[in-house]
Amino acid sequence: MKMQFKAIAFATAALALGQAAWAGEAEAKKWIDSEFQPSTLSKDQQMAEMKWFIDAAKKLQAKGVKDVSVVSETLTTHEYESKTLAKAFEEITGIKVKHDLIQEGDVVEKLQTSMQSGKSIYDGWISDSDLIGTHYRYGKILNLSDYMTGTGKEYTNPGIDIADFIGTKFTTAPDGKLYQLPDQQFANLYWFRADLFERKDLKQKFKAKYGYDLGVPLNWSAYEDIAEFFTNDVKQIDGKPIYGHMDYGKKDPSLGWRFTDAWLSMAGSADIGNPNGLPIDEWGIRVADDKCTPVGASVARGGATNSPAAVYALTKYVDWMKKYAPKEATGMTFGEAGPVPAQGQIAQQIFWYTAFTADMVKPGLPVVNADGTPKWRMAPGPNGPYWKQGMQNGYQDVGSWTFFKDHNPDRLAAAWLYAQFVTAKSTSLKKTIVGLTPIRESDIRSKAMTDMAPKLGGLVEFYRSPARVAWSPTGTNVPDYPKLAQLWWKNVAQAVTGEKTPQAAMDTLADEMDQVMARLERAGMAHCAPKLNKKEDPAKWLSDKHAPWKKLDNEKPKGETIAYDALLQAWKNGKVR
């Protein structure tokens, strides 16, 4: 009866006073007790942080702000934000959040439309840090460093602790300013079935055929041997087909960033340099001595997009998918292919996104033991023959909060509040546990993550090691990510279908990239617009000292592997690999 009376009282109050009546400390306490656990903060510290959000929201409500609209791609982490944290924010602050979930390609397209029109469709965006070069050059995205200390100071959480975020290195522009706030972070790593790799019968068969141990591949030669072994020699596990490789190849926007994310950098197409090669990055774009002005993508202009290393990468990408992956793979997108290894018929995947970890640890899956520990592990990806020490180690995505600087200031401030709320120390550890895309050092080092580590196949060890910084997103060489990214998937798809050879596909791609950058040069940009080199004989640029790298006489050296325990120990000892 008492419960019924309370419910009636609350309902009456809400009707009388409006939505804001629900907001306040009582609601904050409810959420802290029921949802925001565990946390690296004490409950008292969480309450203090929530009080700050309540007070900041009141200032905006007084200016007429009742709701905000934000968007992100569809990942487990963002689903949790949209379904749970948005509701919590509304109940605690009184500001309603419409958090849309759409495909990544659609996020980029809508962002591009907003940049062209000068009017932001949303109040806030979670977009990849891959766009950092674009954001800086167009001059339309809010500089958060100045905002937090200037016009947005009163709406910036005193406990935000920017130094605790692990991805800010990748959301900082050439001017040294922060343009995006990390919201989720995942890496592109090697994934394999540790239980199969440890089987004595398979280890003996592999060594007898290839002359070295079955283990984590250190180079692409070993990966290729392992792929061939499982697909053609082992063939079946427990009566079901087993495949030595997994990827996706559908003509879709996700195909483009699949290739730029992983294949080119790990093949070794760029120059030496972290986080991205300089003067040439993994996209093959060369910048001038100022480290900012793009001067070409084609080898004829000093770039590396159609260089021997890039063509080699595309060749292997197509060959391996056709020879060693399930036949359905060529018709799949990123989202469709991601969960496939969890079905138990994939022995290894060269570039696997840790964003799918949450889908890989569910009880009852063929790749999960009865005690909840995984049958699989993650490790650093193997290197191609053109790769050299000091090059980019692998790809990492940092989905980050992004805002247009000329947007309505009050709605921008409200979206900034929500962005801080879903990344705050009060909420971030629980979000990390749900989505397994950590963004805070304090969360990664927490007891909760230590306790979870045995069930996450190396994820915690990776993020506690220097590797989590050595793996990097697309860098600042790319002047317009949306315009250039769409060229990739169309051209790569032609190599997948066989319409063009890998060389012809990359030649066309490089020329089209130069054409887009020439248009950007004519149109002008706020900062570091392209200024293309003249076309010359490609032979002038090819070298064995720097990118674009000359074609190697031998692109398949002997395979090399390492025991997984040795890799894990390296991470624990503070080494990248």
Protein backbone atom coordinates (compact mmCIF):
# COMPACT_ATOMS: atom_id res chain seq x y z
CA MET A 1 0.00 0.00 0.00
CA LYS A 2 2.87 2.35 0.91
CA MET A 3 4.53 1.65 -2.48
CA GLN A 4 1.26 2.38 -4.28
CA PHE A 5 0.88 5.66 -2.39
CA LYS A 6 4.46 6.70 -3.25
CA ALA A 7 3.90 5.96 -6.93
CA ILE A 8 0.73 8.08 -6.97
CA ALA A 9 2.51 10.93 -5.18
CA PHE A 10 5.40 10.90 -7.63
CA ALA A 11 3.10 10.81 -10.63
CA THR A 12 1.04 13.73 -9.28
CA ALA A 13 4.18 15.77 -8.64
CA ALA A 14 5.47 15.12 -12.13
CA LEU A 15 2.21 16.22 -13.70
CA ALA A 16 2.11 19.35 -11.60
CA LEU A 17 5.69 20.44 -11.97
CA GLY A 18 6.77 18.95 -15.30
CA GLN A 19 9.57 16.70 -16.30
CA ALA A 20 12.23 18.53 -14.31
CA ALA A 21 10.54 17.40 -11.09
CA TRP A 22 12.00 13.97 -11.65
CA ALA A 23 15.51 15.36 -11.78
CA GLY A 24 17.68 15.62 -8.74
CA GLU A 25 19.73 13.97 -6.03
CA ALA A 26 17.23 11.24 -5.20
CA GLU A 27 17.37 10.05 -8.80
CA ALA A 28 21.16 10.28 -8.79
CA LYS A 29 21.35 8.13 -5.65
CA LYS A 30 19.03 5.56 -7.24
CA TRP A 31 21.21 5.28 -10.34
CA ILE A 32 24.45 5.23 -8.33
CA ASP A 33 23.15 2.37 -6.20
CA SER A 34 21.47 0.36 -8.97
CA GLU A 35 23.55 0.94 -12.12
CA PHE A 36 26.77 2.94 -11.70
CA GLN A 37 28.66 0.14 -9.95
CA PRO A 38 31.45 -0.69 -9.87
CA SER A 39 33.18 2.67 -10.14
CA THR A 40 36.68 3.94 -9.41
CA LEU A 41 34.96 6.61 -7.30
CA SER A 42 33.32 6.09 -3.92
CA LYS A 43 29.54 6.55 -3.77
CA ASP A 44 30.05 9.89 -2.01
CA GLN A 45 32.40 11.01 -4.82
CA GLN A 46 29.87 9.82 -7.41
CA MET A 47 27.13 11.80 -5.70
CA ALA A 48 29.30 14.93 -5.66
CA GLU A 49 29.92 14.50 -9.40
CA MET A 50 26.20 14.01 -10.07
CA LYS A 51 25.36 17.14 -8.04
CA TRP A 52 27.63 19.09 -10.36
CA PHE A 53 25.75 17.72 -13.41
CA ILE A 54 22.39 18.62 -11.81
CA ASP A 55 23.48 22.21 -11.11
CA ALA A 56 24.99 22.68 -14.59
CA ALA A 57 21.81 21.35 -16.21
CA LYS A 58 19.67 23.80 -14.21
CA LYS A 59 21.55 26.72 -15.82
CA LEU A 60 20.71 25.39 -19.27
CA GLN A 61 17.10 24.63 -18.39
CA ALA A 62 16.77 28.25 -17.28
CA LYS A 63 17.79 29.16 -20.85
CA GLY A 64 15.05 26.94 -22.27
CA VAL A 65 17.06 23.80 -23.08
CA LYS A 66 14.82 20.76 -22.57
CA ASP A 67 16.43 18.16 -24.80
CA VAL A 68 19.48 17.30 -26.92
CA SER A 69 20.01 15.16 -29.98
CA VAL A 70 23.20 13.10 -30.53
CA VAL A 71 24.31 10.27 -32.82
CA SER A 72 26.80 7.39 -32.86
CA GLU A 73 27.47 4.18 -34.75
CA THR A 74 25.84 0.97 -33.54
CA LEU A 75 28.19 -0.74 -31.06
CA THR A 76 27.46 -2.49 -27.75
CA THR A 77 28.98 0.50 -25.92
CA HIS A 78 26.76 3.01 -27.70
CA GLU A 79 23.69 0.82 -27.27
CA TYR A 80 24.32 0.97 -23.54
CA GLU A 81 24.61 4.76 -23.71
CA SER A 82 21.46 5.12 -25.81
CA LYS A 83 19.29 2.72 -23.81
CA THR A 84 20.61 3.15 -20.26
CA LEU A 85 22.84 6.19 -19.75
CA ALA A 86 20.60 8.53 -21.77
CA LYS A 87 17.72 7.56 -19.49
CA ALA A 88 19.88 8.08 -16.40
CA PHE A 89 20.96 11.52 -17.65
CA GLU A 90 17.35 12.55 -18.21
CA GLU A 91 16.21 11.37 -14.79
CA ILE A 92 19.14 12.99 -12.99
CA THR A 93 19.36 16.29 -14.90
CA GLY A 94 15.89 16.73 -16.40
CA ILE A 95 17.30 17.12 -19.94
CA LYS A 96 15.97 14.53 -22.38
CA VAL A 97 18.47 12.86 -24.74
CA LYS A 98 17.66 11.47 -28.18
CA HIS A 99 20.69 9.23 -28.85
CA ASP A 100 20.43 7.82 -32.40
CA LEU A 101 22.26 4.62 -33.37
CA ILE A 102 23.13 4.27 -37.07
CA GLN A 103 25.80 2.58 -39.22
CA GLU A 104 29.27 4.10 -39.21
CA GLY A 105 29.11 4.96 -42.91
CA ASP A 106 25.88 6.89 -42.26
CA VAL A 107 27.52 8.83 -39.39
CA VAL A 108 30.32 9.94 -41.73
CA GLU A 109 27.83 10.84 -44.50
CA LYS A 110 25.65 12.95 -42.16
CA LEU A 111 28.73 14.61 -40.72
CA GLN A 112 29.89 15.48 -44.23
CA THR A 113 26.46 16.97 -45.06
CA SER A 114 26.61 19.11 -41.93
CA MET A 115 30.12 20.34 -42.75
CA GLN A 116 29.07 21.29 -46.28
CA SER A 117 25.93 23.12 -45.17
CA GLY A 118 27.50 24.68 -42.09
CA LYS A 119 24.52 23.55 -40.01
CA SER A 120 24.89 20.57 -37.69
CA ILE A 121 22.09 17.98 -37.93
CA TYR A 122 22.81 16.91 -34.32
CA ASP A 123 23.88 18.72 -31.17
CA GLY A 124 26.69 16.21 -30.63
CA TRP A 125 28.41 13.45 -32.60
CA ILE A 126 30.47 10.41 -31.73
CA SER A 127 32.74 10.13 -34.75
CA ASP A 128 36.05 8.36 -35.25
CA SER A 129 39.26 10.15 -34.46
CA ASP A 130 40.13 9.12 -38.05
CA LEU A 131 38.51 12.44 -39.00
CA ILE A 132 40.93 14.56 -36.96
CA GLY A 133 42.77 15.79 -40.09
CA THR A 134 39.44 16.75 -41.68
CA HIS A 135 38.16 18.54 -38.59
CA TYR A 136 41.31 20.60 -38.22
CA ARG A 137 41.55 21.66 -41.87
CA TYR A 138 37.95 22.78 -42.35
CA GLY A 139 37.92 24.81 -39.16
CA LYS A 140 34.25 24.02 -38.39
CA ILE A 141 34.72 21.70 -35.42
CA LEU A 142 34.92 22.99 -31.86
CA ASN A 143 38.37 23.23 -30.34
CA LEU A 144 37.72 21.59 -26.95
CA SER A 145 40.96 22.77 -25.34
CA ASP A 146 39.91 26.40 -25.66
CA TYR A 147 36.21 25.67 -25.04
CA MET A 148 36.88 23.96 -21.70
CA THR A 149 38.84 26.94 -20.41
CA GLY A 150 36.75 29.61 -22.16
CA THR A 151 33.05 29.80 -23.10
CA GLY A 152 32.39 26.23 -21.95
CA LYS A 153 34.19 26.48 -18.61
CA GLU A 154 31.06 26.64 -16.48
CA TYR A 155 29.75 23.51 -18.25
CA THR A 156 32.99 21.55 -17.93
CA ASN A 157 33.11 19.01 -15.11
CA PRO A 158 35.92 19.92 -12.67
CA GLY A 159 36.52 16.17 -12.31
CA ILE A 160 36.75 15.47 -16.06
CA ASP A 161 40.48 14.59 -15.68
CA ILE A 162 41.57 14.73 -19.33
CA ALA A 163 44.93 13.16 -18.40
CA ASP A 164 43.07 9.97 -17.41
CA PHE A 165 41.73 9.46 -20.97
CA ILE A 166 43.89 7.09 -23.03
CA GLY A 167 43.02 8.24 -26.55
CA THR A 168 43.67 11.98 -26.51
CA LYS A 169 46.94 11.60 -28.42
CA PHE A 170 44.79 10.65 -31.42
CA THR A 171 42.21 13.41 -31.02
CA THR A 172 44.76 16.22 -30.98
CA ALA A 173 45.29 18.25 -34.18
CA PRO A 174 48.60 19.55 -35.58
CA ASP A 175 48.02 22.76 -33.58
CA GLY A 176 48.34 20.79 -30.32
CA LYS A 177 44.68 21.37 -29.38
CA LEU A 178 42.10 18.72 -28.42
CA TYR A 179 39.23 18.58 -30.93
CA GLN A 180 37.50 15.37 -29.83
CA LEU A 181 36.79 13.69 -26.46
CA PRO A 182 37.29 9.87 -26.44
CA ASP A 183 34.11 7.91 -25.73
CA GLN A 184 35.13 4.36 -26.70
CA GLN A 185 38.29 2.75 -27.93
CA PHE A 186 39.01 -0.57 -29.58
CA ALA A 187 41.98 -2.07 -31.35
CA ASN A 188 42.56 -4.21 -34.40
CA LEU A 189 44.38 -7.34 -33.20
CA TYR A 190 45.12 -10.91 -34.23
CA TRP A 191 42.51 -13.42 -32.97
CA PHE A 192 43.00 -17.17 -32.76
CA ARG A 193 41.62 -20.36 -31.24
CA ALA A 194 44.17 -21.04 -28.51
CA ASP A 195 42.57 -24.42 -27.74
CA LEU A 196 43.21 -25.65 -31.30
CA PHE A 197 46.73 -24.21 -31.43
CA GLU A 198 47.59 -26.20 -28.28
CA ARG A 199 46.39 -29.57 -29.60
CA LYS A 200 49.41 -31.89 -29.77
CA ASP A 201 48.20 -33.68 -32.93
CA LEU A 202 47.77 -30.38 -34.81
CA LYS A 203 51.10 -29.01 -33.56
CA GLN A 204 52.91 -32.13 -34.76
CA LYS A 205 51.23 -32.08 -38.18
CA PHE A 206 51.98 -28.39 -38.67
CA LYS A 207 55.65 -28.65 -37.72
CA ALA A 208 56.10 -31.71 -39.92
CA LYS A 209 54.74 -29.80 -42.93
CA TYR A 210 56.17 -26.29 -42.42
CA GLY A 211 59.29 -26.88 -40.32
CA TYR A 212 58.42 -24.49 -37.47
CA ASP A 213 56.02 -24.43 -34.49
CA LEU A 214 52.32 -23.69 -34.70
CA GLY A 215 51.93 -20.48 -32.70
CA VAL A 216 51.05 -16.79 -32.93
CA PRO A 217 52.30 -15.63 -36.35
CA LEU A 218 54.90 -12.86 -36.33
CA ASN A 219 54.79 -12.36 -40.09
CA TRP A 220 52.30 -12.74 -42.92
CA SER A 221 54.12 -15.80 -44.23
CA ALA A 222 53.29 -17.70 -41.04
CA TYR A 223 49.71 -16.44 -41.09
CA GLU A 224 49.32 -17.71 -44.65
CA ASP A 225 50.78 -21.11 -43.73
CA ILE A 226 48.41 -21.43 -40.75
CA ALA A 227 45.46 -20.38 -42.92
CA GLU A 228 46.33 -23.03 -45.49
CA PHE A 229 46.89 -25.66 -42.79
CA PHE A 230 43.51 -25.31 -41.10
CA THR A 231 41.50 -24.84 -44.31
CA ASN A 232 43.10 -27.54 -46.46
CA ASP A 233 44.75 -29.97 -44.03
CA VAL A 234 42.65 -29.95 -40.86
CA LYS A 235 39.43 -29.20 -42.79
CA GLN A 236 37.07 -30.18 -39.94
CA ILE A 237 36.81 -29.80 -36.17
CA ASP A 238 34.11 -31.78 -34.36
CA GLY A 239 32.45 -32.64 -37.67
CA LYS A 240 32.18 -29.03 -38.83
CA PRO A 241 34.30 -27.21 -41.45
CA ILE A 242 37.15 -25.12 -40.04
CA TYR A 243 38.58 -22.10 -41.86
CA GLY A 244 42.03 -20.60 -41.46
CA HIS A 245 40.98 -17.02 -42.21
CA MET A 246 38.07 -14.60 -41.85
CA ASP A 247 37.37 -11.21 -43.43
CA TYR A 248 34.66 -9.39 -45.35
CA GLY A 249 34.44 -8.10 -48.93
CA LYS A 250 31.01 -6.64 -49.74
CA LYS A 251 30.99 -3.43 -51.78
CA ASP A 252 30.05 -1.25 -48.82
CA PRO A 253 31.59 1.76 -47.02
CA SER A 254 32.95 -0.54 -44.33
CA LEU A 255 35.16 -2.22 -46.96
CA GLY A 256 37.15 0.98 -47.43
CA TRP A 257 38.10 1.58 -43.84
CA ARG A 258 38.74 -2.13 -43.39
CA PHE A 259 41.56 -1.77 -45.84
CA THR A 260 42.98 1.53 -44.62
CA ASP A 261 42.62 0.49 -40.99
CA ALA A 262 44.67 -2.63 -41.13
CA TRP A 263 45.99 -4.07 -44.32
CA LEU A 264 48.17 -1.22 -45.53
CA SER A 265 49.78 -0.30 -42.22
CA MET A 266 50.59 -3.88 -41.28
CA ALA A 267 51.88 -4.71 -44.76
CA GLY A 268 54.34 -1.87 -44.24
CA SER A 269 53.29 0.62 -46.90
CA ALA A 270 53.99 3.80 -44.88
CA ASP A 271 57.12 5.48 -43.59
CA ILE A 272 58.58 4.83 -40.18
CA GLY A 273 57.02 7.01 -37.49
CA ASN A 274 54.48 6.89 -34.67
CA PRO A 275 51.56 7.30 -34.36
CA ASN A 276 51.51 7.40 -38.18
CA GLY A 277 54.26 7.35 -40.74
CA LEU A 278 55.83 10.66 -41.83
CA PRO A 279 56.02 12.04 -44.42
CA ILE A 280 53.90 9.16 -45.84
CA ASP A 281 51.09 7.62 -43.77
CA GLU A 282 49.36 4.25 -44.16
CA TRP A 283 46.87 5.71 -46.67
CA GLY A 284 49.84 6.49 -48.89
CA ILE A 285 49.38 10.27 -48.56
CA ARG A 286 52.61 12.29 -48.45
CA VAL A 287 52.76 15.62 -46.58
CA ALA A 288 55.28 18.43 -47.06
CA ASP A 289 58.07 19.32 -44.62
CA ASP A 290 55.53 21.21 -42.47
CA LYS A 291 54.05 17.76 -41.61
CA CYS A 292 50.60 19.10 -42.49
CA THR A 293 50.24 19.98 -46.22
CA PRO A 294 49.25 16.94 -48.36
CA VAL A 295 51.23 16.80 -51.62
CA GLY A 296 50.06 13.55 -53.26
CA ALA A 297 48.86 9.95 -52.96
CA SER A 298 50.12 8.38 -56.20
CA VAL A 299 53.74 7.23 -56.47
CA ALA A 300 54.12 9.65 -59.40
CA ARG A 301 53.60 12.51 -56.90
CA GLY A 302 55.70 10.95 -54.13
CA GLY A 303 52.86 9.08 -52.40
CA ALA A 304 52.45 5.34 -51.79
CA THR A 305 48.78 4.46 -52.40
CA ASN A 306 49.67 2.44 -55.52
CA SER A 307 53.15 1.42 -54.36
CA PRO A 308 54.39 -2.21 -54.42
CA ALA A 309 53.65 -2.60 -50.68
CA ALA A 310 50.04 -1.39 -51.14
CA VAL A 311 49.48 -3.64 -54.15
CA TYR A 312 50.96 -6.57 -52.22
CA ALA A 313 48.51 -5.90 -49.34
CA LEU A 314 45.49 -5.85 -51.67
CA THR A 315 46.68 -8.99 -53.45
CA LYS A 316 46.90 -10.92 -50.17
CA TYR A 317 43.59 -9.52 -48.97
CA VAL A 318 41.78 -10.87 -52.05
CA ASP A 319 43.69 -14.16 -52.28
CA TRP A 320 43.27 -15.15 -48.64
CA MET A 321 39.59 -14.33 -48.53
CA LYS A 322 38.93 -16.51 -51.59
CA LYS A 323 41.21 -19.37 -50.57
CA TYR A 324 40.86 -19.66 -46.79
CA ALA A 325 37.68 -17.89 -45.58
CA PRO A 326 34.04 -19.12 -45.68
CA LYS A 327 32.63 -18.43 -49.14
CA GLU A 328 30.04 -16.11 -47.57
CA ALA A 329 32.78 -13.71 -46.42
CA THR A 330 33.07 -11.90 -49.77
CA GLY A 331 29.42 -10.82 -49.44
CA MET A 332 29.62 -9.60 -45.84
CA THR A 333 29.98 -6.16 -44.25
CA PHE A 334 31.88 -5.19 -41.10
CA GLY A 335 28.85 -5.71 -38.84
CA GLU A 336 27.93 -9.06 -40.40
CA ALA A 337 31.45 -10.51 -40.35
CA GLY A 338 32.40 -9.39 -36.84
CA PRO A 339 30.48 -12.03 -34.84
CA VAL A 340 31.33 -14.96 -37.22
CA PRO A 341 34.42 -16.22 -35.28
CA ALA A 342 32.14 -16.65 -32.23
CA GLN A 343 30.33 -19.43 -34.12
CA GLY A 344 33.34 -21.71 -33.68
CA GLN A 345 34.46 -22.43 -37.26
CA ILE A 346 37.26 -19.86 -37.62
CA ALA A 347 40.78 -20.83 -36.50
CA GLN A 348 42.33 -17.35 -36.78
CA GLN A 349 41.67 -13.84 -38.07
CA ILE A 350 44.51 -11.52 -38.97
CA PHE A 351 42.69 -8.25 -38.24
CA TRP A 352 39.96 -8.63 -35.61
CA TYR A 353 38.32 -5.69 -33.85
CA THR A 354 38.24 -5.90 -30.06
CA ALA A 355 34.88 -4.09 -30.23
CA PHE A 356 33.42 -7.56 -30.77
CA THR A 357 34.86 -8.90 -27.48
CA ALA A 358 31.50 -8.50 -25.73
CA ASP A 359 29.93 -10.77 -28.37
CA MET A 360 32.72 -13.35 -27.93
CA VAL A 361 32.41 -14.03 -24.20
CA LYS A 362 28.73 -14.93 -23.86
CA PRO A 363 28.08 -18.19 -21.98
CA GLY A 364 27.13 -21.12 -24.19
CA LEU A 365 29.04 -19.98 -27.28
CA PRO A 366 31.12 -22.63 -29.09
CA VAL A 367 34.23 -20.52 -28.36
CA VAL A 368 33.61 -20.23 -24.60
CA ASN A 369 34.48 -22.94 -22.04
CA ALA A 370 31.96 -24.16 -19.46
CA ASP A 371 33.74 -22.11 -16.75
CA GLY A 372 33.29 -18.89 -18.78
CA THR A 373 36.91 -18.61 -19.94
CA PRO A 374 37.44 -18.15 -23.69
CA LYS A 375 38.86 -20.80 -26.01
CA TRP A 376 40.38 -17.93 -28.01
CA ARG A 377 43.01 -15.26 -27.41
CA MET A 378 44.01 -11.92 -28.92
CA ALA A 379 47.56 -10.88 -29.76
CA PRO A 380 49.47 -8.28 -31.83
CA GLY A 381 48.87 -8.70 -35.55
CA PRO A 382 51.62 -10.16 -37.74
CA ASN A 383 53.72 -7.88 -39.97
CA GLY A 384 53.99 -7.96 -43.76
CA PRO A 385 57.35 -8.16 -45.56
CA TYR A 386 57.58 -4.39 -46.12
CA TRP A 387 57.03 -3.61 -42.42
CA LYS A 388 60.03 -2.25 -40.45
CA GLN A 389 60.65 -1.58 -36.79
CA GLY A 390 59.31 1.84 -35.85
CA MET A 391 56.31 1.70 -38.20
CA GLN A 392 52.70 1.84 -37.07
CA ASN A 393 52.05 -1.34 -35.02
CA GLY A 394 48.36 -1.64 -35.72
CA TYR A 395 45.07 0.20 -35.94
CA GLN A 396 43.01 1.55 -33.09
CA ASP A 397 39.64 3.27 -33.31
CA VAL A 398 38.85 6.07 -30.88
CA GLY A 399 35.16 6.93 -31.22
CA SER A 400 35.07 10.49 -29.90
CA TRP A 401 32.65 13.27 -29.03
CA THR A 402 32.72 15.95 -31.70
CA PHE A 403 30.87 19.29 -31.84
CA PHE A 404 30.37 22.05 -34.42
CA LYS A 405 31.73 25.37 -33.12
CA ASP A 406 29.00 27.55 -34.69
CA HIS A 407 26.13 25.45 -33.27
CA ASN A 408 23.55 26.94 -30.89
CA PRO A 409 25.74 27.54 -27.79
CA ASP A 410 23.15 26.38 -25.24
CA ARG A 411 22.32 23.15 -27.07
CA LEU A 412 26.04 22.58 -27.64
CA ALA A 413 26.64 22.99 -23.90
CA ALA A 414 23.86 20.50 -23.10
CA ALA A 415 25.33 17.93 -25.53
CA TRP A 416 28.75 18.56 -23.97
CA LEU A 417 27.20 17.81 -20.57
CA TYR A 418 25.85 14.49 -21.86
CA ALA A 419 29.21 13.64 -23.45
CA GLN A 420 30.93 14.22 -20.12
CA PHE A 421 28.25 12.24 -18.29
CA VAL A 422 28.74 9.06 -20.36
CA THR A 423 32.54 9.32 -20.01
CA ALA A 424 32.61 10.44 -16.36
CA LYS A 425 34.41 8.41 -13.69
CA SER A 426 30.99 7.80 -12.11
CA THR A 427 29.75 5.89 -15.16
CA SER A 428 32.78 4.90 -17.25
CA LEU A 429 33.89 1.70 -15.48
CA LYS A 430 30.44 0.12 -15.69
CA LYS A 431 30.26 1.17 -19.37
CA THR A 432 33.66 -0.43 -19.94
CA ILE A 433 32.47 -3.68 -18.36
CA VAL A 434 29.38 -3.72 -20.60
CA GLY A 435 30.99 -2.70 -23.90
CA LEU A 436 34.66 -3.60 -23.30
CA THR A 437 35.90 -0.46 -25.08
CA PRO A 438 37.92 1.27 -22.31
CA ILE A 439 38.85 4.95 -22.40
CA ARG A 440 40.19 5.70 -18.91
CA GLU A 441 43.49 4.63 -17.39
CA SER A 442 41.84 4.43 -13.96
CA ASP A 443 39.23 1.98 -15.27
CA ILE A 444 41.82 -0.22 -16.99
CA ARG A 445 43.86 -0.44 -13.77
CA SER A 446 40.80 -1.14 -11.59
CA LYS A 447 40.28 -4.29 -9.51
CA ALA A 448 37.11 -4.97 -11.53
CA MET A 449 39.14 -5.27 -14.74
CA THR A 450 41.76 -7.42 -12.99
CA ASP A 451 38.97 -9.78 -11.91
CA MET A 452 37.55 -9.89 -15.45
CA ALA A 453 40.90 -10.40 -17.22
CA PRO A 454 40.89 -14.25 -17.28
CA LYS A 455 37.62 -14.20 -19.25
CA LEU A 456 38.65 -11.57 -21.82
CA GLY A 457 41.37 -13.37 -23.75
CA GLY A 458 44.17 -10.80 -23.38
CA LEU A 459 42.13 -7.57 -23.68
CA VAL A 460 43.04 -6.26 -20.23
CA GLU A 461 46.72 -7.15 -20.66
CA PHE A 462 46.76 -5.35 -24.02
CA TYR A 463 45.26 -2.15 -22.62
CA ARG A 464 47.58 -2.19 -19.62
CA SER A 465 50.62 -2.41 -21.90
CA PRO A 466 52.29 0.30 -24.02
CA ALA A 467 50.68 -1.41 -27.03
CA ARG A 468 47.48 0.50 -26.46
CA VAL A 469 49.32 3.69 -27.46
CA ALA A 470 51.40 2.11 -30.22
CA TRP A 471 48.24 1.02 -32.03
CA SER A 472 46.91 4.17 -33.71
CA PRO A 473 43.99 5.47 -35.83
CA THR A 474 44.17 7.28 -39.16
CA GLY A 475 46.43 10.29 -38.69
CA THR A 476 46.35 13.93 -39.69
CA ASN A 477 47.69 13.46 -43.26
CA VAL A 478 44.17 12.72 -44.55
CA PRO A 479 42.66 16.11 -45.49
CA ASP A 480 39.04 15.05 -46.04
CA TYR A 481 38.19 11.62 -44.67
CA PRO A 482 34.59 11.42 -46.01
CA LYS A 483 35.52 12.37 -49.57
CA LEU A 484 38.60 10.15 -49.72
CA ALA A 485 37.19 7.15 -47.80
CA GLN A 486 34.42 6.63 -50.36
CA LEU A 487 37.05 6.17 -53.07
CA TRP A 488 38.60 3.23 -51.21
CA TRP A 489 35.66 0.90 -50.96
CA LYS A 490 34.63 1.35 -54.59
CA ASN A 491 38.11 0.58 -55.89
CA VAL A 492 38.96 -2.22 -53.46
CA ALA A 493 35.62 -3.87 -54.38
CA GLN A 494 36.73 -4.05 -58.02
CA ALA A 495 39.74 -6.11 -56.98
CA VAL A 496 37.51 -8.39 -54.86
CA THR A 497 35.16 -9.08 -57.79
CA GLY A 498 38.03 -9.52 -60.23
CA GLU A 499 36.96 -6.57 -62.42
CA LYS A 500 40.47 -5.17 -61.98
CA THR A 501 43.84 -6.49 -60.90
CA PRO A 502 45.10 -5.22 -57.52
CA GLN A 503 47.63 -3.02 -59.34
CA ALA A 504 44.99 -1.49 -61.64
CA ALA A 505 42.60 -0.94 -58.70
CA MET A 506 45.25 0.87 -56.66
CA ASP A 507 46.40 2.91 -59.67
CA THR A 508 42.85 4.17 -60.19
CA LEU A 509 42.45 4.82 -56.47
CA ALA A 510 45.67 6.83 -56.26
CA ASP A 511 44.70 8.96 -59.27
CA GLU A 512 41.23 9.61 -57.87
CA MET A 513 42.69 10.59 -54.49
CA ASP A 514 45.00 13.08 -56.24
CA GLN A 515 42.01 14.49 -58.13
CA VAL A 516 40.02 15.02 -54.90
CA MET A 517 43.02 16.68 -53.23
CA ALA A 518 43.48 18.91 -56.32
CA ARG A 519 39.87 20.09 -55.89
CA LEU A 520 40.50 20.74 -52.20
CA GLU A 521 43.61 22.72 -53.18
CA ARG A 522 41.56 24.90 -55.56
CA ALA A 523 38.72 25.35 -53.08
CA GLY A 524 41.01 26.15 -50.17
CA MET A 525 40.72 25.04 -46.54
CA ALA A 526 41.06 26.87 -43.24
CA HIS A 527 44.36 25.10 -42.44
CA CYS A 528 46.90 23.06 -44.45
CA ALA A 529 45.04 22.66 -47.74
CA PRO A 530 46.67 20.19 -50.18
CA LYS A 531 49.30 21.50 -52.56
CA LEU A 532 50.08 18.70 -54.99
CA ASN A 533 53.51 17.79 -56.31
CA LYS A 534 53.78 17.63 -60.09
CA LYS A 535 53.63 14.18 -61.66
CA GLU A 536 57.01 12.58 -62.34
CA ASP A 537 58.44 9.19 -63.22
CA PRO A 538 57.46 6.88 -60.29
CA ALA A 539 60.97 5.38 -60.37
CA LYS A 540 62.24 8.69 -58.96
CA TRP A 541 60.39 8.10 -55.71
CA LEU A 542 60.68 4.31 -55.14
CA SER A 543 63.39 3.49 -52.61
CA ASP A 544 64.67 0.92 -50.11
CA LYS A 545 65.34 3.74 -47.60
CA HIS A 546 61.84 5.27 -47.31
CA ALA A 547 58.28 5.06 -48.60
CA PRO A 548 57.20 4.49 -51.28
CA TRP A 549 59.15 1.23 -50.86
CA LYS A 550 60.62 -0.57 -53.89
CA LYS A 551 59.24 -3.99 -54.73
CA LEU A 552 60.93 -6.75 -52.77
CA ASP A 553 62.54 -9.67 -54.57
CA ASN A 554 60.99 -12.03 -52.00
CA GLU A 555 57.57 -11.13 -50.57
CA LYS A 556 57.25 -14.46 -48.70
CA PRO A 557 60.13 -14.98 -46.28
CA LYS A 558 60.10 -18.01 -43.96
CA GLY A 559 57.23 -18.09 -41.51
CA GLU A 560 57.91 -17.10 -37.90
CA THR A 561 55.74 -17.77 -34.85
CA ILE A 562 55.93 -17.23 -31.09
CA ALA A 563 54.25 -18.90 -28.12
CA TYR A 564 51.31 -16.88 -26.81
CA ASP A 565 52.55 -16.98 -23.22
CA ALA A 566 55.74 -15.24 -24.32
CA LEU A 567 53.70 -12.44 -25.93
CA LEU A 568 51.51 -12.07 -22.87
CA GLN A 569 54.57 -11.81 -20.67
CA ALA A 570 55.97 -9.07 -22.93
CA TRP A 571 52.80 -7.02 -22.36
CA LYS A 572 53.02 -7.59 -18.62
CA ASN A 573 56.68 -6.49 -18.74
CA GLY A 574 55.70 -3.18 -20.32
CA LYS A 575 56.67 -3.98 -23.91
CA VAL A 576 54.66 -3.23 -27.08
CA ARG A 577 55.10 -6.75 -28.45
